[in-house]
């Protein structure tokens, strides 16, 4: 008798949960069961779409940023030339040990390396192509751009004179119909001279970044050749490439470096030099926020519609419960718990689906892209876990808060009318 009393008391206290569970796990074929499953599926689809979108957009931004930074560093230090375009030759500066030590002493800086560029024309037996010859020295960190090497090897450097190796892009190799080991003529444009200077170089390797502005513009070789052509002594360079430990500190690091530079020198970030690439990346953030808002709205509207249908379908049950003494809050709790079950289940399956498809793309790369438009062949995936957690918790909390709207309808139902007309 005491056990029966306790059981009755427990059921009364947990009545909203008991009824909500019976409705949710009802095995009989009914319209409400179909609506619940449809709502769970729609919520799962919204959450999965948000997780996939974040993973792909983060991947795009990460891969493109790494390609830009790997080839040119995060910050470029060179002579101050306010009206100079990004692909023009640099005014020479003298290597400065004091400036180098000041830059490398910054805890945010990983390392720096020197470079110089010179306009030139490549000529093979087939055709000619205009390029910007980028000269580097033996201390250049080729490991940073190893991912771009397709064939051959990076230029080697001789102890005396300059190396005759040149690394060209796949685009130029196709246009000039060249392979590794072939020789070509390179014509260097000399300011103030009518005739260019000609050199015979050997293709030591072929690279491909996938970024059109790089692949159609640059070839890599020995900075000693540029010094020879420009009549520079060994201490002159075009500038420094500065690589950082964390690219997010680019702006403040550039400002800090600028204060320690000699008069006449300048410091610019890659965002300033190639704004069109980073504007495209920032546009992806806008698309990301729009998609998150749209998917959240879809999930919320879906839940509201589902619960309104469930409340209207259970009008008679609401009337009976109120007639038996249940207050409005207990009746409202039934549908709030019903909605919480739908939201939680939908979020769970959406999380599993989103992460599962992201992992599948990461391992197989089954989604491919037009490399000319997106700078890569395969859609990249990069999962930021705090974003996944934020989407999961945020979607559930927003949906649960919205549940108060349809559940409030149950408070407006009159017991007498519900029983009489049902």
Protein backbone atom coordinates (compact mmCIF):
# COMPACT_ATOMS: atom_id res chain seq x y z
CA UNK A 1 0.00 0.00 0.00
CA UNK A 2 2.86 2.36 0.86
CA UNK A 3 4.62 1.46 -2.42
CA UNK A 4 1.44 2.16 -4.40
CA UNK A 5 1.10 5.53 -2.67
CA UNK A 6 4.69 6.46 -3.53
CA UNK A 7 4.25 5.31 -7.12
CA UNK A 8 1.07 7.38 -7.49
CA UNK A 9 2.77 10.43 -6.01
CA UNK A 10 5.78 10.01 -8.37
CA UNK A 11 3.53 9.76 -11.43
CA UNK A 12 1.58 12.86 -10.39
CA UNK A 13 4.75 14.86 -9.82
CA UNK A 14 6.29 13.69 -13.09
CA UNK A 15 3.05 13.70 -15.06
CA UNK A 16 4.26 16.16 -17.78
CA UNK A 17 7.38 14.07 -18.41
CA UNK A 18 5.40 10.81 -18.36
CA UNK A 19 2.85 12.00 -20.93
CA UNK A 20 5.49 13.70 -23.15
CA UNK A 21 7.49 10.45 -23.23
CA UNK A 22 4.42 8.38 -24.11
CA UNK A 23 3.61 10.71 -26.99
CA UNK A 24 7.20 10.80 -28.24
CA UNK A 25 7.77 7.04 -28.10
CA UNK A 26 4.32 6.03 -29.26
CA UNK A 27 4.85 3.07 -31.62
CA UNK A 28 1.44 3.30 -33.23
CA UNK A 29 1.20 4.84 -36.68
CA UNK A 30 -0.22 8.32 -36.19
CA UNK A 31 -0.04 11.77 -37.65
CA UNK A 32 1.73 13.12 -34.57
CA UNK A 33 4.42 10.43 -34.86
CA UNK A 34 5.03 11.42 -38.48
CA UNK A 35 5.25 15.13 -37.55
CA UNK A 36 7.72 14.41 -34.74
CA UNK A 37 9.99 12.41 -37.04
CA UNK A 38 9.77 15.06 -39.75
CA UNK A 39 10.71 17.77 -37.25
CA UNK A 40 13.66 15.77 -35.95
CA UNK A 41 14.88 15.23 -39.51
CA UNK A 42 14.53 18.94 -40.38
CA UNK A 43 16.36 20.00 -37.21
CA UNK A 44 19.13 17.47 -37.90
CA UNK A 45 19.45 18.74 -41.47
CA UNK A 46 19.78 22.34 -40.26
CA UNK A 47 22.48 21.49 -37.71
CA UNK A 48 24.38 19.29 -40.19
CA UNK A 49 24.26 22.07 -42.81
CA UNK A 50 25.65 24.59 -40.31
CA UNK A 51 28.51 22.30 -39.25
CA UNK A 52 29.39 21.42 -42.85
CA UNK A 53 29.28 25.07 -43.92
CA UNK A 54 31.57 26.13 -41.09
CA UNK A 55 33.98 23.28 -41.86
CA UNK A 56 34.19 24.09 -45.57
CA UNK A 57 34.45 27.88 -45.14
CA UNK A 58 37.11 27.49 -42.44
CA UNK A 59 38.93 25.12 -44.78
CA UNK A 60 38.80 27.60 -47.67
CA UNK A 61 40.15 30.42 -45.54
CA UNK A 62 42.89 28.29 -43.99
CA UNK A 63 44.19 26.75 -47.24
CA UNK A 64 44.13 29.98 -49.28
CA UNK A 65 45.76 31.96 -46.46
CA UNK A 66 48.50 29.35 -46.07
CA UNK A 67 49.21 29.42 -49.82
CA UNK A 68 49.48 33.22 -49.85
CA UNK A 69 51.70 33.32 -46.76
CA UNK A 70 53.90 30.36 -47.75
CA UNK A 71 54.96 32.01 -51.01
CA UNK A 72 55.51 35.56 -49.75
CA UNK A 73 55.48 35.48 -45.95
CA UNK A 74 53.13 37.48 -43.72
CA UNK A 75 54.91 40.84 -43.86
CA UNK A 76 57.15 42.37 -46.51
CA UNK A 77 59.86 44.86 -45.57
CA UNK A 78 61.35 46.94 -48.41
CA UNK A 79 62.13 50.48 -49.54
CA UNK A 80 59.25 52.94 -49.08
CA UNK A 81 57.50 53.28 -52.45
CA UNK A 82 53.91 54.51 -51.90
CA UNK A 83 52.81 54.26 -55.55
CA UNK A 84 54.47 50.94 -56.39
CA UNK A 85 52.23 48.07 -57.56
CA UNK A 86 52.60 44.61 -56.02
CA UNK A 87 54.27 43.02 -59.07
CA UNK A 88 56.84 45.74 -59.82
CA UNK A 89 60.58 45.54 -59.15
CA UNK A 90 61.81 46.82 -55.80
CA UNK A 91 64.16 49.70 -55.18
CA UNK A 92 67.26 48.09 -53.59
CA UNK A 93 68.04 48.34 -49.90
CA UNK A 94 71.24 47.48 -48.05
CA UNK A 95 71.09 44.40 -45.80
CA UNK A 96 71.06 45.72 -42.26
CA UNK A 97 72.09 43.52 -39.34
CA UNK A 98 70.60 45.93 -36.79
CA UNK A 99 67.21 45.93 -38.53
CA UNK A 100 67.30 42.14 -38.91
CA UNK A 101 68.02 41.65 -35.20
CA UNK A 102 65.24 44.08 -34.25
CA UNK A 103 62.74 42.18 -36.42
CA UNK A 104 63.76 38.68 -35.32
CA UNK A 105 63.80 39.73 -31.65
CA UNK A 106 60.03 40.21 -31.79
CA UNK A 107 58.53 37.12 -30.13
CA UNK A 108 55.79 36.98 -32.79
CA UNK A 109 58.32 36.61 -35.64
CA UNK A 110 59.33 33.10 -36.76
CA UNK A 111 62.10 34.06 -39.23
CA UNK A 112 62.89 36.38 -42.16
CA UNK A 113 64.59 35.92 -45.53
CA UNK A 114 65.80 38.23 -48.30
CA UNK A 115 64.60 38.41 -51.89
CA UNK A 116 64.58 40.58 -55.02
CA UNK A 117 62.51 40.58 -58.21
CA UNK A 118 63.15 41.59 -61.81
CA UNK A 119 60.90 41.76 -64.88
CA UNK A 120 61.80 39.30 -67.61
CA UNK A 121 60.55 37.42 -70.65
CA UNK A 122 60.87 33.64 -70.99
CA UNK A 123 61.43 32.28 -74.50
CA UNK A 124 61.31 28.72 -75.75
CA UNK A 125 61.18 27.32 -79.27
CA UNK A 126 57.37 27.55 -79.06
CA UNK A 127 56.45 30.96 -77.63
CA UNK A 128 57.32 33.68 -75.09
CA UNK A 129 55.86 34.53 -71.65
CA UNK A 130 56.31 37.57 -69.43
CA UNK A 131 57.26 36.88 -65.79
CA UNK A 132 58.61 38.46 -62.64
CA UNK A 133 61.82 36.64 -61.75
CA UNK A 134 62.02 36.20 -57.97
CA UNK A 135 65.60 35.82 -56.78
CA UNK A 136 66.36 34.09 -53.48
CA UNK A 137 69.57 32.93 -51.78
CA UNK A 138 70.83 29.66 -50.33
CA UNK A 139 69.24 30.39 -46.92
CA UNK A 140 65.74 30.50 -48.41
CA UNK A 141 63.25 28.25 -46.56
CA UNK A 142 62.08 26.08 -49.44
CA UNK A 143 60.35 23.74 -46.98
CA UNK A 144 57.60 26.36 -46.61
CA UNK A 145 56.67 25.96 -50.28
CA UNK A 146 57.52 22.28 -50.68
CA UNK A 147 53.80 21.54 -51.03
CA UNK A 148 53.80 23.44 -54.34
CA UNK A 149 56.65 21.50 -55.99
CA UNK A 150 55.27 19.20 -58.69
CA UNK A 151 58.39 18.05 -60.54
CA UNK A 152 62.15 18.37 -60.27
CA UNK A 153 63.93 20.17 -57.45
CA UNK A 154 64.39 23.67 -56.10
CA UNK A 155 67.20 25.85 -57.50
CA UNK A 156 70.69 24.99 -56.29
CA UNK A 157 73.24 27.69 -55.43
CA UNK A 158 76.87 27.85 -56.44
CA UNK A 159 79.62 29.21 -54.25
CA UNK A 160 80.80 31.60 -56.96
CA UNK A 161 78.79 33.56 -59.48
CA UNK A 162 75.12 32.67 -59.78
CA UNK A 163 73.05 29.55 -60.36
CA UNK A 164 71.61 28.91 -63.83
CA UNK A 165 68.61 27.03 -62.37
CA UNK A 166 65.08 28.37 -62.70
CA UNK A 167 61.86 27.05 -61.17
CA UNK A 168 58.82 27.83 -63.33
CA UNK A 169 55.11 27.32 -62.74
CA UNK A 170 53.04 24.60 -64.35
CA UNK A 171 51.20 27.32 -66.29
CA UNK A 172 54.42 28.61 -67.88
CA UNK A 173 55.65 25.05 -68.49
CA UNK A 174 52.49 24.29 -70.46
CA UNK A 175 52.56 27.57 -72.37
CA UNK A 176 56.24 27.21 -73.26
CA UNK A 177 56.04 23.41 -73.66
CA UNK A 178 58.94 22.84 -71.30
CA UNK A 179 59.90 19.98 -69.01
CA UNK A 180 62.42 19.61 -66.19
CA UNK A 181 65.94 19.69 -67.64
CA UNK A 182 65.03 21.80 -70.69
CA UNK A 183 66.93 25.01 -71.37
CA UNK A 184 65.32 28.35 -72.16
CA UNK A 185 66.32 31.91 -72.90
CA UNK A 186 65.36 34.62 -70.44
CA UNK A 187 65.39 38.29 -71.45
CA UNK A 188 65.73 40.77 -68.58
CA UNK A 189 64.29 44.22 -69.13
CA UNK A 190 66.91 46.86 -68.32
CA UNK A 191 65.65 50.36 -67.46
CA UNK A 192 67.15 52.98 -69.78
CA UNK A 193 68.42 50.38 -72.25
CA UNK A 194 66.79 49.49 -75.54
CA UNK A 195 68.00 45.90 -75.70
CA UNK A 196 67.30 43.43 -72.86
CA UNK A 197 70.02 41.28 -71.36
CA UNK A 198 69.81 37.61 -72.32
CA UNK A 199 70.72 34.56 -70.23
CA UNK A 200 70.34 30.83 -70.83
CA UNK A 201 68.86 29.00 -67.84
CA UNK A 202 67.85 25.41 -67.14
CA UNK A 203 64.43 24.39 -65.81
CA UNK A 204 65.26 22.64 -62.53
CA UNK A 205 61.67 22.16 -61.41
CA UNK A 206 57.99 22.99 -61.86
CA UNK A 207 55.66 24.32 -59.16
CA UNK A 208 51.94 25.04 -58.83
CA UNK A 209 50.24 27.03 -56.06
CA UNK A 210 46.77 27.11 -57.60
CA UNK A 211 46.67 30.89 -57.09
CA UNK A 212 46.49 32.47 -60.53
CA UNK A 213 48.27 35.72 -59.60
CA UNK A 214 51.31 33.66 -58.49
CA UNK A 215 51.35 30.95 -61.14
CA UNK A 216 51.01 33.37 -64.05
CA UNK A 217 53.57 35.84 -62.70
CA UNK A 218 56.52 34.33 -60.82
CA UNK A 219 59.54 32.15 -61.52
CA UNK A 220 62.16 31.35 -58.86
CA UNK A 221 65.92 31.60 -59.25
CA UNK A 222 69.15 32.91 -57.78
CA UNK A 223 69.22 36.46 -56.37
CA UNK A 224 72.87 36.55 -57.52
CA UNK A 225 71.67 36.74 -61.12
CA UNK A 226 69.59 39.84 -60.32
CA UNK A 227 72.56 41.44 -58.56
CA UNK A 228 74.73 40.73 -61.60
CA UNK A 229 72.22 42.24 -64.03
CA UNK A 230 71.53 45.30 -61.87
CA UNK A 231 75.20 45.84 -61.00
CA UNK A 232 74.42 45.48 -57.29
CA UNK A 233 77.06 44.49 -54.77
CA UNK A 234 76.46 41.45 -52.54
CA UNK A 235 74.83 43.43 -49.72
CA UNK A 236 71.92 44.78 -51.80
CA UNK A 237 68.51 43.08 -51.81
CA UNK A 238 64.97 43.91 -52.85
CA UNK A 239 63.55 43.38 -49.36
CA UNK A 240 62.73 40.91 -46.59
CA UNK A 241 59.93 38.40 -46.23
CA UNK A 242 58.88 38.10 -42.59
CA UNK A 243 57.13 34.92 -41.41
CA UNK A 244 55.10 34.95 -38.20
CA UNK A 245 54.16 32.25 -35.71
CA UNK A 246 50.52 33.34 -35.79
CA UNK A 247 49.12 35.13 -38.83
CA UNK A 248 46.37 36.77 -36.75
CA UNK A 249 49.04 39.10 -35.27
CA UNK A 250 49.98 40.40 -38.72
CA UNK A 251 48.69 43.96 -38.39
CA UNK A 252 50.10 44.78 -34.96
CA UNK A 253 53.43 43.06 -35.74
CA UNK A 254 53.80 45.08 -38.95
CA UNK A 255 53.24 48.32 -37.03
CA UNK A 256 55.75 47.27 -34.39
CA UNK A 257 58.36 46.33 -37.01
CA UNK A 258 57.91 49.63 -38.84
CA UNK A 259 59.02 51.62 -35.80
CA UNK A 260 62.37 49.78 -35.73
CA UNK A 261 63.19 50.17 -39.45
CA UNK A 262 65.75 52.59 -40.90
CA UNK A 263 64.48 55.80 -42.51
CA UNK A 264 63.16 55.15 -46.00
CA UNK A 265 62.07 51.56 -45.30
CA UNK A 266 58.47 50.37 -45.14
CA UNK A 267 56.55 47.42 -43.71
CA UNK A 268 53.40 46.01 -45.34
CA UNK A 269 51.21 43.01 -44.59
CA UNK A 270 50.03 40.60 -47.28
CA UNK A 271 46.53 42.00 -46.75
CA UNK A 272 47.78 45.37 -47.98
CA UNK A 273 49.72 43.93 -50.90
CA UNK A 274 47.06 41.50 -52.15
CA UNK A 275 43.77 42.98 -50.84
CA UNK A 276 41.67 41.26 -53.53
CA UNK A 277 42.48 37.80 -52.14
CA UNK A 278 41.69 38.73 -48.55
CA UNK A 279 38.53 40.60 -49.55
CA UNK A 280 37.36 37.33 -51.12
CA UNK A 281 38.21 35.46 -47.90
CA UNK A 282 36.36 38.02 -45.76
CA UNK A 283 33.33 37.67 -48.02
CA UNK A 284 33.18 34.02 -46.96
CA UNK A 285 32.60 35.19 -43.37
CA UNK A 286 29.53 37.10 -44.51
CA UNK A 287 28.23 34.01 -46.30
CA UNK A 288 28.90 31.96 -43.17
CA UNK A 289 26.86 34.25 -40.91
CA UNK A 290 23.98 34.45 -43.38
CA UNK A 291 23.82 30.66 -43.67
CA UNK A 292 23.90 30.20 -39.89
CA UNK A 293 21.02 32.65 -39.45
CA UNK A 294 18.95 31.07 -42.23
CA UNK A 295 19.47 27.51 -40.92
CA UNK A 296 18.60 28.58 -37.37
CA UNK A 297 15.41 30.26 -38.59
CA UNK A 298 14.49 27.10 -40.53
CA UNK A 299 14.99 24.94 -37.43
CA UNK A 300 12.97 27.34 -35.24
CA UNK A 301 10.05 27.64 -37.68
CA UNK A 302 10.03 23.89 -38.09
CA UNK A 303 9.77 23.33 -34.32
CA UNK A 304 7.06 25.98 -33.88
CA UNK A 305 4.97 24.44 -36.67
CA UNK A 306 5.42 20.95 -35.27
CA UNK A 307 4.36 21.90 -31.74
CA UNK A 308 1.35 23.90 -32.92
CA UNK A 309 0.17 20.81 -34.82
CA UNK A 310 0.80 18.60 -31.77
CA UNK A 311 -1.08 20.99 -29.46
CA UNK A 312 -4.08 21.17 -31.80
CA UNK A 313 -4.09 17.39 -32.28
CA UNK A 314 -4.05 16.87 -28.50
CA UNK A 315 -6.83 19.35 -27.76
CA UNK A 316 -9.06 16.68 -26.23
CA UNK A 317 -6.24 15.38 -24.02
CA UNK A 318 -5.58 18.94 -22.80
CA UNK A 319 -9.25 19.37 -21.95
CA UNK A 320 -9.36 16.10 -20.01
CA UNK A 321 -6.21 16.93 -18.05
CA UNK A 322 -7.54 20.35 -17.11
CA UNK A 323 -10.90 18.86 -16.14
CA UNK A 324 -9.08 16.42 -13.85
CA UNK A 325 -7.32 19.29 -12.09
CA UNK A 326 -4.06 19.84 -13.97
CA UNK A 327 -3.07 23.49 -14.02
CA UNK A 328 -1.97 25.38 -17.13
CA UNK A 329 1.73 25.17 -16.26
CA UNK A 330 1.72 21.36 -16.04
CA UNK A 331 -0.07 21.09 -19.38
CA UNK A 332 2.39 23.57 -20.91
CA UNK A 333 5.30 21.52 -19.56
CA UNK A 334 4.12 18.50 -21.56
CA UNK A 335 4.65 20.30 -24.85
CA UNK A 336 7.84 22.03 -23.73
CA UNK A 337 9.35 18.65 -22.88
CA UNK A 338 8.03 17.30 -26.16
CA UNK A 339 9.78 20.12 -28.02
CA UNK A 340 12.96 19.66 -25.98
CA UNK A 341 13.02 16.00 -27.00
CA UNK A 342 12.63 16.91 -30.68
CA UNK A 343 15.30 19.62 -30.50
CA UNK A 344 17.79 17.48 -28.57
CA UNK A 345 17.34 14.46 -30.84
CA UNK A 346 17.56 16.57 -33.99
CA UNK A 347 20.70 18.36 -32.77
CA UNK A 348 22.32 15.03 -31.87
CA UNK A 349 21.70 13.43 -35.27
CA UNK A 350 22.67 16.66 -37.01
CA UNK A 351 25.96 16.73 -35.10
CA UNK A 352 26.75 13.12 -36.04
CA UNK A 353 25.82 13.69 -39.70
CA UNK A 354 27.75 16.96 -40.03
CA UNK A 355 30.92 15.63 -38.42
CA UNK A 356 30.63 12.33 -40.30
CA UNK A 357 30.40 14.00 -43.73
CA UNK A 358 33.23 16.40 -42.81
CA UNK A 359 35.45 13.48 -41.84
CA UNK A 360 34.52 11.61 -45.03
CA UNK A 361 35.48 14.64 -47.16
CA UNK A 362 38.72 15.01 -45.20
CA UNK A 363 39.69 11.39 -45.90
CA UNK A 364 38.39 10.90 -49.45
CA UNK A 365 38.04 14.40 -50.97
CA UNK A 366 34.94 13.30 -52.91
CA UNK A 367 33.81 16.94 -53.37
CA UNK A 368 35.98 18.57 -56.03
CA UNK A 369 36.23 22.20 -57.17
CA UNK A 370 37.22 24.31 -60.14
CA UNK A 371 40.81 25.19 -59.22
CA UNK A 372 40.87 28.35 -61.35
CA UNK A 373 37.97 29.81 -59.38
CA UNK A 374 38.69 28.47 -55.87
CA UNK A 375 42.53 28.06 -55.85
CA UNK A 376 42.24 24.35 -55.00
CA UNK A 377 41.06 21.08 -56.57
CA UNK A 378 39.40 19.52 -53.53
CA UNK A 379 37.03 21.23 -51.09
CA UNK A 380 39.09 21.55 -47.88
CA UNK A 381 37.70 20.80 -44.43
CA UNK A 382 38.86 22.40 -41.20
CA UNK A 383 36.85 21.74 -38.04
CA UNK A 384 37.08 24.32 -35.25
CA UNK A 385 35.65 22.53 -32.25
CA UNK A 386 34.48 25.55 -30.31
CA UNK A 387 32.35 26.52 -33.32
CA UNK A 388 30.81 23.02 -33.42
CA UNK A 389 30.01 23.21 -29.70
CA UNK A 390 28.58 26.73 -30.11
CA UNK A 391 26.32 25.61 -32.98
CA UNK A 392 25.13 22.57 -31.02
CA UNK A 393 24.36 24.37 -27.76
CA UNK A 394 23.17 27.56 -29.45
CA UNK A 395 20.69 25.78 -31.71
CA UNK A 396 19.24 23.81 -28.81
CA UNK A 397 18.90 26.87 -26.55
CA UNK A 398 17.31 29.03 -29.27
CA UNK A 399 14.87 26.28 -30.22
CA UNK A 400 13.98 25.60 -26.59
CA UNK A 401 13.36 29.30 -25.94
CA UNK A 402 11.03 29.47 -28.93
CA UNK A 403 9.07 26.49 -27.61
CA UNK A 404 7.27 28.82 -25.21
CA UNK A 405 5.28 30.27 -28.13
CA UNK A 406 3.32 27.19 -29.28
CA UNK A 407 3.13 25.67 -25.77
CA UNK A 408 1.41 28.88 -24.63
CA UNK A 409 -1.53 27.93 -26.88
CA UNK A 410 -2.38 25.08 -24.51
CA UNK A 411 -3.14 27.63 -21.78
CA UNK A 412 -5.86 29.17 -23.94
CA UNK A 413 -7.79 25.90 -24.40
CA UNK A 414 -11.04 25.67 -22.40
CA UNK A 415 -11.67 22.20 -20.84
CA UNK A 416 -15.42 22.29 -21.49
CA UNK A 417 -15.09 23.26 -25.16
CA UNK A 418 -12.20 20.85 -25.74
CA UNK A 419 -14.20 17.87 -24.43
CA UNK A 420 -17.47 18.96 -26.01
CA UNK A 421 -16.23 19.51 -29.57
CA UNK A 422 -13.47 16.94 -29.82
